Each structure stands twice: as structure tokens, then as C-alpha cells.
PDB file of N, CA and C in Angstrom:
ATOM      1  N   MET A   1      28.767  61.861  16.577  1.00  0.00           N
ATOM      2  CA  MET A   1      29.619  60.816  17.125  1.00  0.00           C
ATOM      3  C   MET A   1      30.030  61.146  18.562  1.00  0.00           C
ATOM      4  N   GLU A   2      30.394  62.396  18.795  1.00  0.00           N
ATOM      5  CA  GLU A   2      30.798  62.804  20.142  1.00  0.00           C
ATOM      6  C   GLU A   2      29.635  62.688  21.116  1.00  0.00           C
ATOM      7  N   ASN A   3      28.433  63.028  20.655  1.00  0.00           N
ATOM      8  CA  ASN A   3      27.250  62.918  21.503  1.00  0.00           C
ATOM      9  C   ASN A   3      26.970  61.468  21.878  1.00  0.00           C
ATOM     10  N   GLU A   4      27.168  60.575  20.942  1.00  0.00           N
ATOM     11  CA  GLU A   4      26.952  59.153  21.215  1.00  0.00           C
ATOM     12  C   GLU A   4      27.945  58.643  22.254  1.00  0.00           C
ATOM     13  N   MET A   5      29.183  59.086  22.142  1.00  0.00           N
ATOM     14  CA  MET A   5      30.206  58.685  23.106  1.00  0.00           C
ATOM     15  C   MET A   5      29.869  59.212  24.503  1.00  0.00           C
ATOM     16  N   THR A   6      29.379  60.435  24.549  1.00  0.00           N
ATOM     17  CA  THR A   6      29.001  61.027  25.831  1.00  0.00           C
ATOM     18  C   THR A   6      27.844  60.259  26.453  1.00  0.00           C
ATOM     19  N   VAL A   7      26.850  59.916  25.639  1.00  0.00           N
ATOM     20  CA  VAL A   7      25.699  59.160  26.136  1.00  0.00           C
ATOM     21  C   VAL A   7      26.156  57.792  26.641  1.00  0.00           C
ATOM     22  N   LEU A   8      27.027  57.126  25.921  1.00  0.00           N
ATOM     23  CA  LEU A   8      27.535  55.818  26.351  1.00  0.00           C
ATOM     24  C   LEU A   8      28.312  55.933  27.661  1.00  0.00           C
ATOM     25  N   ARG A   9      29.132  56.963  27.769  1.00  0.00           N
ATOM     26  CA  ARG A   9      29.918  57.168  28.987  1.00  0.00           C
ATOM     27  C   ARG A   9      29.001  57.434  30.179  1.00  0.00           C
ATOM     28  N   LEU A  10      28.010  58.292  29.978  1.00  0.00           N
ATOM     29  CA  LEU A  10      27.076  58.616  31.061  1.00  0.00           C
ATOM     30  C   LEU A  10      26.228  57.404  31.444  1.00  0.00           C
ATOM     31  N   THR A  11      25.856  56.609  30.464  1.00  0.00           N
ATOM     32  CA  THR A  11      25.098  55.393  30.743  1.00  0.00           C
ATOM     33  C   THR A  11      25.922  54.440  31.589  1.00  0.00           C
ATOM     34  N   LYS A  12      27.187  54.283  31.247  1.00  0.00           N
ATOM     35  CA  LYS A  12      28.092  53.415  32.016  1.00  0.00           C
ATOM     36  C   LYS A  12      28.273  53.951  33.434  1.00  0.00           C
ATOM     37  N   GLU A  13      28.497  55.257  33.571  1.00  0.00           N
ATOM     38  CA  GLU A  13      28.647  55.864  34.897  1.00  0.00           C
ATOM     39  C   GLU A  13      27.378  55.684  35.722  1.00  0.00           C
ATOM     40  N   ASN A  14      26.229  55.863  35.084  1.00  0.00           N
ATOM     41  CA  ASN A  14      24.949  55.709  35.777  1.00  0.00           C
ATOM     42  C   ASN A  14      24.798  54.282  36.303  1.00  0.00           C
ATOM     43  N   GLU A  15      25.156  53.308  35.488  1.00  0.00           N
ATOM     44  CA  GLU A  15      25.063  51.911  35.912  1.00  0.00           C
ATOM     45  C   GLU A  15      26.015  51.631  37.072  1.00  0.00           C
ATOM     46  N   ASN A  16      27.205  52.200  37.009  1.00  0.00           N
ATOM     47  CA  ASN A  16      28.164  52.031  38.105  1.00  0.00           C
ATOM     48  C   ASN A  16      27.622  52.632  39.401  1.00  0.00           C
ATOM     49  N   PHE A  17      27.018  53.816  39.311  1.00  0.00           N
ATOM     50  CA  PHE A  17      26.445  54.448  40.492  1.00  0.00           C
ATOM     51  C   PHE A  17      25.300  53.608  41.057  1.00  0.00           C
ATOM     52  N   ARG A  18      24.491  53.037  40.190  1.00  0.00           N
ATOM     53  CA  ARG A  18      23.391  52.176  40.641  1.00  0.00           C
ATOM     54  C   ARG A  18      23.928  50.980  41.420  1.00  0.00           C
ATOM     55  N   LYS A  19      25.007  50.382  40.924  1.00  0.00           N
ATOM     56  CA  LYS A  19      25.607  49.233  41.613  1.00  0.00           C
ATOM     57  C   LYS A  19      26.164  49.648  42.976  1.00  0.00           C
ATOM     58  N   ILE A  20      26.812  50.791  43.031  1.00  0.00           N
ATOM     59  CA  ILE A  20      27.359  51.294  44.296  1.00  0.00           C
ATOM     60  C   ILE A  20      26.237  51.542  45.292  1.00  0.00           C
ATOM     61  N   ILE A  21      25.176  52.194  44.854  1.00  0.00           N
ATOM     62  CA  ILE A  21      24.050  52.501  45.742  1.00  0.00           C
ATOM     63  C   ILE A  21      23.396  51.212  46.226  1.00  0.00           C
ATOM     64  N   LYS A  22      23.238  50.240  45.352  1.00  0.00           N
ATOM     65  CA  LYS A  22      22.639  48.963  45.743  1.00  0.00           C
ATOM     66  C   LYS A  22      23.496  48.274  46.806  1.00  0.00           C
ATOM     67  N   THR A  23      24.811  48.292  46.611  1.00  0.00           N
ATOM     68  CA  THR A  23      25.718  47.699  47.589  1.00  0.00           C
ATOM     69  C   THR A  23      25.606  48.404  48.935  1.00  0.00           C
ATOM     70  N   GLN A  24      25.548  49.731  48.909  1.00  0.00           N
ATOM     71  CA  GLN A  24      25.413  50.494  50.150  1.00  0.00           C
ATOM     72  C   GLN A  24      24.086  50.195  50.839  1.00  0.00           C
ATOM     73  N   GLN A  25      23.011  50.064  50.060  1.00  0.00           N
ATOM     74  CA  GLN A  25      21.714  49.732  50.646  1.00  0.00           C
ATOM     75  C   GLN A  25      21.761  48.362  51.320  1.00  0.00           C
ATOM     76  N   ASN A  26      22.385  47.399  50.659  1.00  0.00           N
ATOM     77  CA  ASN A  26      22.496  46.060  51.239  1.00  0.00           C
ATOM     78  C   ASN A  26      23.303  46.093  52.538  1.00  0.00           C
ATOM     79  N   THR A  27      24.386  46.858  52.535  1.00  0.00           N
ATOM     80  CA  THR A  27      25.226  46.963  53.736  1.00  0.00           C
ATOM     81  C   THR A  27      24.445  47.591  54.886  1.00  0.00           C
ATOM     82  N   ILE A  28      23.739  48.659  54.609  1.00  0.00           N
ATOM     83  CA  ILE A  28      22.939  49.330  55.640  1.00  0.00           C
ATOM     84  C   ILE A  28      21.860  48.393  56.175  1.00  0.00           C
ATOM     85  N   ASN A  29      21.205  47.660  55.294  1.00  0.00           N
ATOM     86  CA  ASN A  29      20.167  46.724  55.736  1.00  0.00           C
ATOM     87  C   ASN A  29      20.753  45.642  56.631  1.00  0.00           C
ATOM     88  N   ARG A  30      21.936  45.151  56.298  1.00  0.00           N
ATOM     89  CA  ARG A  30      22.583  44.134  57.136  1.00  0.00           C
ATOM     90  C   ARG A  30      22.947  44.707  58.500  1.00  0.00           C
ATOM     91  N   LEU A  31      23.476  45.924  58.517  1.00  0.00           N
ATOM     92  CA  LEU A  31      23.822  46.553  59.793  1.00  0.00           C
ATOM     93  C   LEU A  31      22.585  46.727  60.668  1.00  0.00           C
ATOM     94  N   ILE A  32      21.492  47.131  60.067  1.00  0.00           N
ATOM     95  CA  ILE A  32      20.244  47.291  60.819  1.00  0.00           C
ATOM     96  C   ILE A  32      19.791  45.946  61.363  1.00  0.00           C
ATOM     97  N   ASP A  33      19.856  44.902  60.524  1.00  0.00           N
ATOM     98  CA  ASP A  33      19.466  43.563  60.980  1.00  0.00           C
ATOM     99  C   ASP A  33      20.325  43.111  62.151  1.00  0.00           C
ATOM    100  N   TYR A  34      21.642  43.295  62.058  1.00  0.00           N
ATOM    101  CA  TYR A  34      22.533  42.893  63.145  1.00  0.00           C
ATOM    102  C   TYR A  34      22.245  43.693  64.409  1.00  0.00           C
ATOM    103  N   PHE A  35      21.952  44.978  64.245  1.00  0.00           N
ATOM    104  CA  PHE A  35      21.632  45.829  65.383  1.00  0.00           C
ATOM    105  C   PHE A  35      20.365  45.339  66.077  1.00  0.00           C
ATOM    106  N   ILE A  36      19.337  45.057  65.279  1.00  0.00           N
ATOM    107  CA  ILE A  36      18.069  44.580  65.834  1.00  0.00           C
ATOM    108  C   ILE A  36      18.272  43.228  66.509  1.00  0.00           C
ATOM    109  N   LEU A  37      19.009  42.328  65.867  1.00  0.00           N
ATOM    110  CA  LEU A  37      19.264  41.016  66.468  1.00  0.00           C
ATOM    111  C   LEU A  37      20.058  41.167  67.767  1.00  0.00           C
ATOM    112  N   GLY A  38      21.001  42.086  67.801  1.00  0.00           N
ATOM    113  CA  GLY A  38      21.782  42.324  69.013  1.00  0.00           C
ATOM    114  C   GLY A  38      20.913  42.789  70.147  1.00  0.00           C
ATOM    115  N   ILE A  39      19.988  43.681  69.871  1.00  0.00           N
ATOM    116  CA  ILE A  39      19.082  44.165  70.910  1.00  0.00           C
ATOM    117  C   ILE A  39      18.205  43.024  71.402  1.00  0.00           C
ATOM    118  N   ARG A  40      17.686  42.208  70.483  1.00  0.00           N
ATOM    119  CA  ARG A  40      16.818  41.099  70.874  1.00  0.00           C
ATOM    120  C   ARG A  40      17.601  40.076  71.693  1.00  0.00           C
ATOM    121  N   ASN A  41      18.832  39.788  71.296  1.00  0.00           N
ATOM    122  CA  ASN A  41      19.637  38.840  72.046  1.00  0.00           C
ATOM    123  C   ASN A  41      19.926  39.351  73.458  1.00  0.00           C
ATOM    124  N   ASN A  42      20.187  40.647  73.588  1.00  0.00           N
ATOM    125  CA  ASN A  42      20.429  41.232  74.921  1.00  0.00           C
ATOM    126  C   ASN A  42      19.181  41.167  75.787  1.00  0.00           C
ATOM    127  N   GLU A  43      18.014  41.381  75.184  1.00  0.00           N
ATOM    128  CA  GLU A  43      16.758  41.316  75.956  1.00  0.00           C
ATOM    129  C   GLU A  43      16.491  39.891  76.407  1.00  0.00           C
ATOM    130  N   ILE A  44      16.781  38.928  75.556  1.00  0.00           N
ATOM    131  CA  ILE A  44      16.528  37.518  75.892  1.00  0.00           C
ATOM    132  C   ILE A  44      17.461  37.079  77.021  1.00  0.00           C
ATOM    133  N   GLN A  45      18.705  37.539  77.001  1.00  0.00           N
ATOM    134  CA  GLN A  45      19.685  37.120  78.000  1.00  0.00           C
ATOM    135  C   GLN A  45      19.409  37.727  79.366  1.00  0.00           C
ATOM    136  N   LYS A  46      18.657  38.817  79.438  1.00  0.00           N
ATOM    137  CA  LYS A  46      18.399  39.486  80.726  1.00  0.00           C
ATOM    138  C   LYS A  46      17.420  38.752  81.567  1.00  0.00           C
TER     139      LYS A  46
END
């Protein structure tokens, strides 16, 4: 019974970590996109 509880807890923690990592990946991708767009906009304005 204790082993099952541990497995359930670890499974839940693992899923939470996956969600956090996915959110961080999305944020980083957006920052990169904004950075690239900013550079392109500056080049166009010159």
C-alpha cells in the first residue's frame, strides 16, 4: 500500500514537472520570437 502511494505521488510530481517545463519552453520560444522580430523590425526601419 505504501509503495502504491509513493508511485502515485511520484507520478503526480512528474506530471507537474512536465507542465512546468512545457510552460518554460513556451515562454522561451516566445522570447526568442520577439527577439527575432525586434531585430527584423530594426533592420527594416534602417
